[in-house]
Protein backbone atom coordinates (compact mmCIF):
# COMPACT_ATOMS: atom_id res chain seq x y z
CA MET A 1 60.40 -11.91 -35.41
CA PHE A 2 58.25 -14.31 -33.42
CA GLN A 3 59.00 -17.98 -32.90
CA VAL A 4 56.69 -20.76 -31.79
CA MET A 5 58.26 -23.76 -30.07
CA ILE A 6 56.31 -27.00 -29.75
CA ARG A 7 57.72 -29.76 -27.55
CA ALA A 8 56.21 -33.13 -28.43
CA TRP A 9 56.95 -36.82 -27.94
CA HIS A 10 55.45 -37.94 -31.23
CA PHE A 11 54.86 -36.68 -34.75
CA SER A 12 51.45 -35.43 -35.73
CA LEU A 13 49.81 -32.38 -37.32
CA TYR A 14 50.54 -29.05 -35.64
CA THR A 15 49.57 -25.46 -36.33
CA ALA A 16 49.74 -22.07 -34.67
CA ILE A 17 46.97 -19.50 -35.04
CA VAL A 18 47.43 -15.79 -34.40
CA SER A 19 44.25 -13.79 -33.91
CA CYS A 20 44.47 -10.14 -34.98
CA PRO A 21 41.32 -8.11 -34.34
CA TYR A 22 40.03 -5.89 -37.11
CA PRO A 23 40.00 -2.14 -36.40
CA GLU A 24 36.69 -1.10 -34.89
CA VAL A 25 35.26 2.05 -33.38
CA ARG A 26 31.98 2.79 -31.59
CA GLN A 27 30.80 6.32 -30.89
CA PRO A 28 27.55 7.88 -29.61
CA VAL A 29 25.64 9.98 -32.13
CA SER A 30 23.24 12.69 -30.97
CA ILE A 31 20.38 13.89 -33.16
CA THR A 32 20.96 17.48 -31.99
CA ALA A 33 24.47 17.90 -33.41
CA LYS A 34 26.56 17.08 -36.46
CA THR A 35 28.85 14.14 -35.70
CA THR A 36 31.92 12.72 -37.42
CA VAL A 37 33.11 9.18 -36.65
CA GLN A 38 36.62 8.17 -37.74
CA VAL A 39 38.77 5.05 -37.49
CA ASP A 40 42.17 6.21 -36.28
CA ASP A 41 43.90 2.97 -37.35
CA VAL A 42 42.70 3.27 -40.97
CA LYS A 43 43.16 6.75 -42.37
CA GLY A 44 40.32 7.93 -44.60
CA VAL A 45 37.51 5.81 -43.12
CA GLU A 46 34.88 8.23 -41.89
CA LEU A 47 31.15 8.72 -41.29
CA GLN A 48 29.49 12.15 -41.25
CA PHE A 49 26.09 12.49 -39.58
CA PRO A 50 23.99 15.63 -40.12
CA GLU A 51 21.66 16.98 -37.45
CA ASN A 52 18.40 15.08 -37.06
CA SER A 53 19.64 12.17 -39.16
CA SER A 54 17.58 9.73 -37.07
CA ALA A 55 14.62 9.74 -34.70
CA ALA A 56 16.71 9.05 -31.60
CA ASP A 57 20.28 9.02 -30.33
CA PHE A 58 22.25 5.84 -31.03
CA GLU A 59 25.77 4.36 -31.04
CA ALA A 60 27.46 4.21 -34.45
CA GLN A 61 29.84 1.38 -35.29
CA ILE A 62 32.52 1.03 -37.97
CA LYS A 63 34.47 -2.21 -38.41
CA VAL A 64 37.16 -2.40 -41.11
CA PHE A 65 37.91 -5.78 -42.67
CA TYR A 66 40.70 -4.51 -44.97
CA ALA A 67 40.71 -6.79 -48.06
CA ASP A 68 39.32 -9.81 -46.20
CA ASP A 69 35.97 -10.50 -47.82
CA PRO A 70 33.90 -12.72 -45.47
CA ASP A 71 32.06 -13.94 -48.59
CA VAL A 72 35.23 -15.68 -49.85
CA PRO A 73 35.82 -19.19 -48.39
CA GLU A 74 39.22 -19.95 -46.86
CA SER A 75 39.99 -22.37 -49.70
CA GLU A 76 39.55 -19.61 -52.31
CA ILE A 77 41.46 -16.75 -50.69
CA ASN A 78 44.30 -16.91 -53.22
CA ASN A 79 42.07 -17.88 -56.15
CA ASP A 80 40.53 -14.51 -56.99
CA SER A 81 41.76 -13.95 -60.54
CA ASP A 82 38.22 -13.68 -61.93
CA ARG A 83 36.99 -11.14 -59.36
CA ASN A 84 37.05 -7.39 -59.66
CA ALA A 85 39.83 -5.74 -57.70
CA LEU A 86 38.92 -4.05 -54.45
CA ALA A 87 39.27 -0.29 -54.57
CA THR A 88 38.52 0.35 -50.89
CA PRO A 89 38.68 -1.62 -47.66
CA ILE A 90 35.55 -3.60 -46.80
CA VAL A 91 33.61 -2.00 -43.95
CA MET A 92 30.65 -3.02 -41.82
CA LEU A 93 28.55 -0.12 -40.53
CA GLY A 94 26.21 -0.47 -37.60
CA PRO A 95 23.88 -0.77 -35.91
CA HIS A 96 22.78 -3.27 -38.54
CA GLY A 97 19.62 -2.34 -40.39
CA VAL A 98 19.27 1.17 -38.93
CA THR A 99 17.77 3.69 -41.39
CA PHE A 100 18.12 7.47 -41.53
CA ASP A 101 15.87 10.41 -42.29
CA ARG A 102 18.73 12.33 -43.92
CA ASP A 103 21.78 11.30 -45.92
CA VAL A 104 24.73 10.01 -43.91
CA ILE A 105 28.03 10.49 -45.74
CA VAL A 106 30.39 7.51 -45.99
CA GLN A 107 34.04 8.13 -46.84
CA LEU A 108 36.47 5.32 -47.72
CA PRO A 109 40.12 5.51 -48.82
CA ILE A 110 41.26 4.29 -52.25
CA PRO A 111 44.82 2.99 -51.72
CA ASP A 112 47.28 3.60 -54.58
CA CYS A 113 44.57 5.38 -56.57
CA GLY A 114 47.00 7.71 -58.34
CA GLU A 115 49.31 4.86 -59.33
CA ILE A 116 46.42 2.72 -60.59
CA MET A 117 45.20 5.69 -62.63
CA ARG A 118 48.63 5.99 -64.26
CA LYS A 119 49.33 2.28 -64.75
CA PHE A 120 45.94 1.34 -66.17
CA ASP A 121 44.69 4.66 -67.56
CA LYS A 122 41.64 4.61 -65.29
CA ASP A 123 39.51 7.49 -64.06
CA PRO A 124 38.00 6.56 -60.67
CA LYS A 125 35.03 8.85 -61.41
CA HIS A 126 33.91 6.32 -64.04
CA SER A 127 35.73 3.09 -63.10
CA LEU A 128 34.35 2.24 -59.66
CA THR A 129 31.23 0.39 -58.50
CA ILE A 130 29.95 0.49 -54.93
CA PHE A 131 28.50 -2.71 -53.45
CA HIS A 132 26.54 -3.29 -50.27
CA SER A 133 25.21 -6.31 -48.43
CA PRO A 134 22.08 -5.87 -46.27
CA THR A 135 23.17 -8.63 -43.88
CA GLY A 136 24.40 -8.76 -40.30
CA GLU A 137 27.93 -9.65 -39.20
CA LYS A 138 26.99 -13.26 -38.46
CA GLU A 139 24.93 -13.74 -41.65
CA PRO A 140 26.17 -14.83 -45.10
CA ILE A 141 27.30 -11.88 -47.24
CA CYS A 142 25.15 -11.07 -50.27
CA TRP A 143 26.85 -8.35 -52.32
CA GLU A 144 24.60 -6.20 -54.51
CA PRO A 145 25.43 -3.11 -56.60
CA CYS A 146 24.53 0.06 -54.73
CA GLN A 147 22.85 2.56 -57.04
CA VAL A 148 24.21 5.75 -55.58
CA ASP A 149 26.14 8.75 -56.88
CA TYR A 150 29.66 9.05 -55.54
CA GLU A 151 32.41 11.65 -55.53
CA ILE A 152 36.19 11.24 -55.65
CA LYS A 153 38.22 13.64 -53.53
CA GLN A 154 41.96 14.15 -53.33
CA GLU A 155 43.33 14.73 -49.84
CA PRO A 156 46.09 17.28 -49.06
CA ASP A 157 48.65 14.44 -48.89
CA GLY A 158 47.77 13.32 -52.43
CA SER A 159 45.72 10.28 -51.44
CA HIS A 160 42.18 9.74 -52.75
CA VAL A 161 38.89 8.90 -51.06
CA ILE A 162 35.45 7.97 -52.33
CA VAL A 163 32.47 9.75 -50.76
CA PHE A 164 28.84 8.65 -51.08
CA PRO A 165 25.52 9.06 -49.21
CA VAL A 166 23.57 6.24 -47.54
CA ARG A 167 20.21 5.99 -45.81
CA HIS A 168 20.85 2.65 -44.08
CA PHE A 169 23.77 0.78 -42.52
CA SER A 170 25.16 -2.51 -43.80
CA TRP A 171 28.36 -3.79 -45.46
CA TYR A 172 30.04 -1.58 -48.09
CA LYS A 173 32.94 -1.78 -50.51
CA ALA A 174 33.99 -0.29 -53.86
CA VAL A 175 35.67 -2.23 -56.67
CA TRP A 176 37.59 -1.28 -59.80
CA ASP A 177 36.51 -2.40 -63.25
CA LEU A 178 39.79 -4.34 -63.33
CA LEU A 179 40.47 -7.98 -62.49
CA SER A 180 41.98 -8.61 -59.09
CA SER A 181 44.85 -10.57 -60.64
CA THR A 182 45.78 -7.59 -62.82
CA VAL A 183 46.00 -5.14 -59.91
CA HIS A 184 47.66 -7.68 -57.61
CA GLY A 185 50.25 -8.43 -60.28
CA ALA A 186 51.15 -4.74 -60.39
CA LYS A 187 51.69 -4.85 -56.60
CA VAL A 188 49.27 -2.01 -55.92
CA GLY A 189 45.84 -1.63 -54.36
CA VAL A 190 44.12 -2.63 -51.14
CA SER A 191 45.77 -6.04 -50.70
CA TYR A 192 49.27 -4.49 -50.80
CA PHE A 193 48.45 -1.32 -48.89
CA TYR A 194 46.92 -2.90 -45.80
CA PRO A 195 48.31 -5.65 -43.53
CA TYR A 196 47.35 -9.25 -44.19
CA ILE A 197 44.89 -10.49 -41.61
CA ARG A 198 43.75 -13.63 -43.40
CA PHE A 199 45.74 -15.58 -45.97
CA ALA A 200 46.29 -19.16 -47.11
CA MET A 201 49.63 -20.94 -47.13
CA MET A 202 51.13 -24.35 -47.80
CA CYS A 203 53.80 -26.07 -45.70
CA THR A 204 56.45 -28.61 -46.65
CA ALA A 205 58.27 -30.43 -43.82
CA MET A 206 61.70 -32.06 -44.28
CA MET A 207 63.71 -34.10 -41.75
CA ASP A 208 67.52 -34.45 -41.61
CA GLU A 209 69.18 -37.13 -39.48
CA THR A 210 72.53 -36.56 -37.77
CA SER A 211 74.19 -39.93 -37.36
CA ASP A 212 76.90 -38.69 -34.98
CA THR A 213 74.50 -37.55 -32.29
CA ARG A 214 71.59 -39.85 -33.14
CA SER A 215 69.38 -36.75 -33.41
CA PHE A 216 67.45 -35.14 -36.23
CA GLY A 217 66.42 -31.73 -37.42
CA LEU A 218 63.02 -30.69 -38.74
CA GLU A 219 62.73 -27.95 -41.37
CA VAL A 220 59.39 -26.45 -42.40
CA SER A 221 59.07 -24.33 -45.54
CA LEU A 222 56.10 -21.99 -45.99
CA LEU A 223 54.92 -21.61 -49.59
């Protein structure tokens, strides 16, 4: 457990911010050989490049944003009841805007897929939609349905992944045809499987005076 101590001579507004970088990997890709790029910190995230996928060698990039959608404002992080539930982590693939001469295979994990199938009687082969956003990391996200055939595979450990081909790099995610509030209420899915990097909270501060020592105590409750 971590503690933050602030020594002050007056009352005001205080906060502490912890910056946790998102998992990211960069790896050279040669046109003369098949190449697989994986993110060790997030099992199941993978890119597969065939030979001669592009006109020249380049450096591939994968950045995993877990369930933190950059398109959602800070004020609406916890107000997602009318959105479709994420099925996979959100990933940004780079270099931004690069196109390929042959299909590059994207693989993303589907956390708690088996349990969601049982709880909600869903078949991921017919219940998922892939979205992409043709924007850079510093540009506003613009999610659009990605018209592409996908395949669901079960790994040896029982987990599931979604596999689909792309001809360009951008942002990608897959969503269930279920409301986010429904999946979140069942305590399954991406938001429960991966660590929280970004979340909203409310604080209530209470002060107790000790008359014997002429001191006081400050208690802060996080809601």
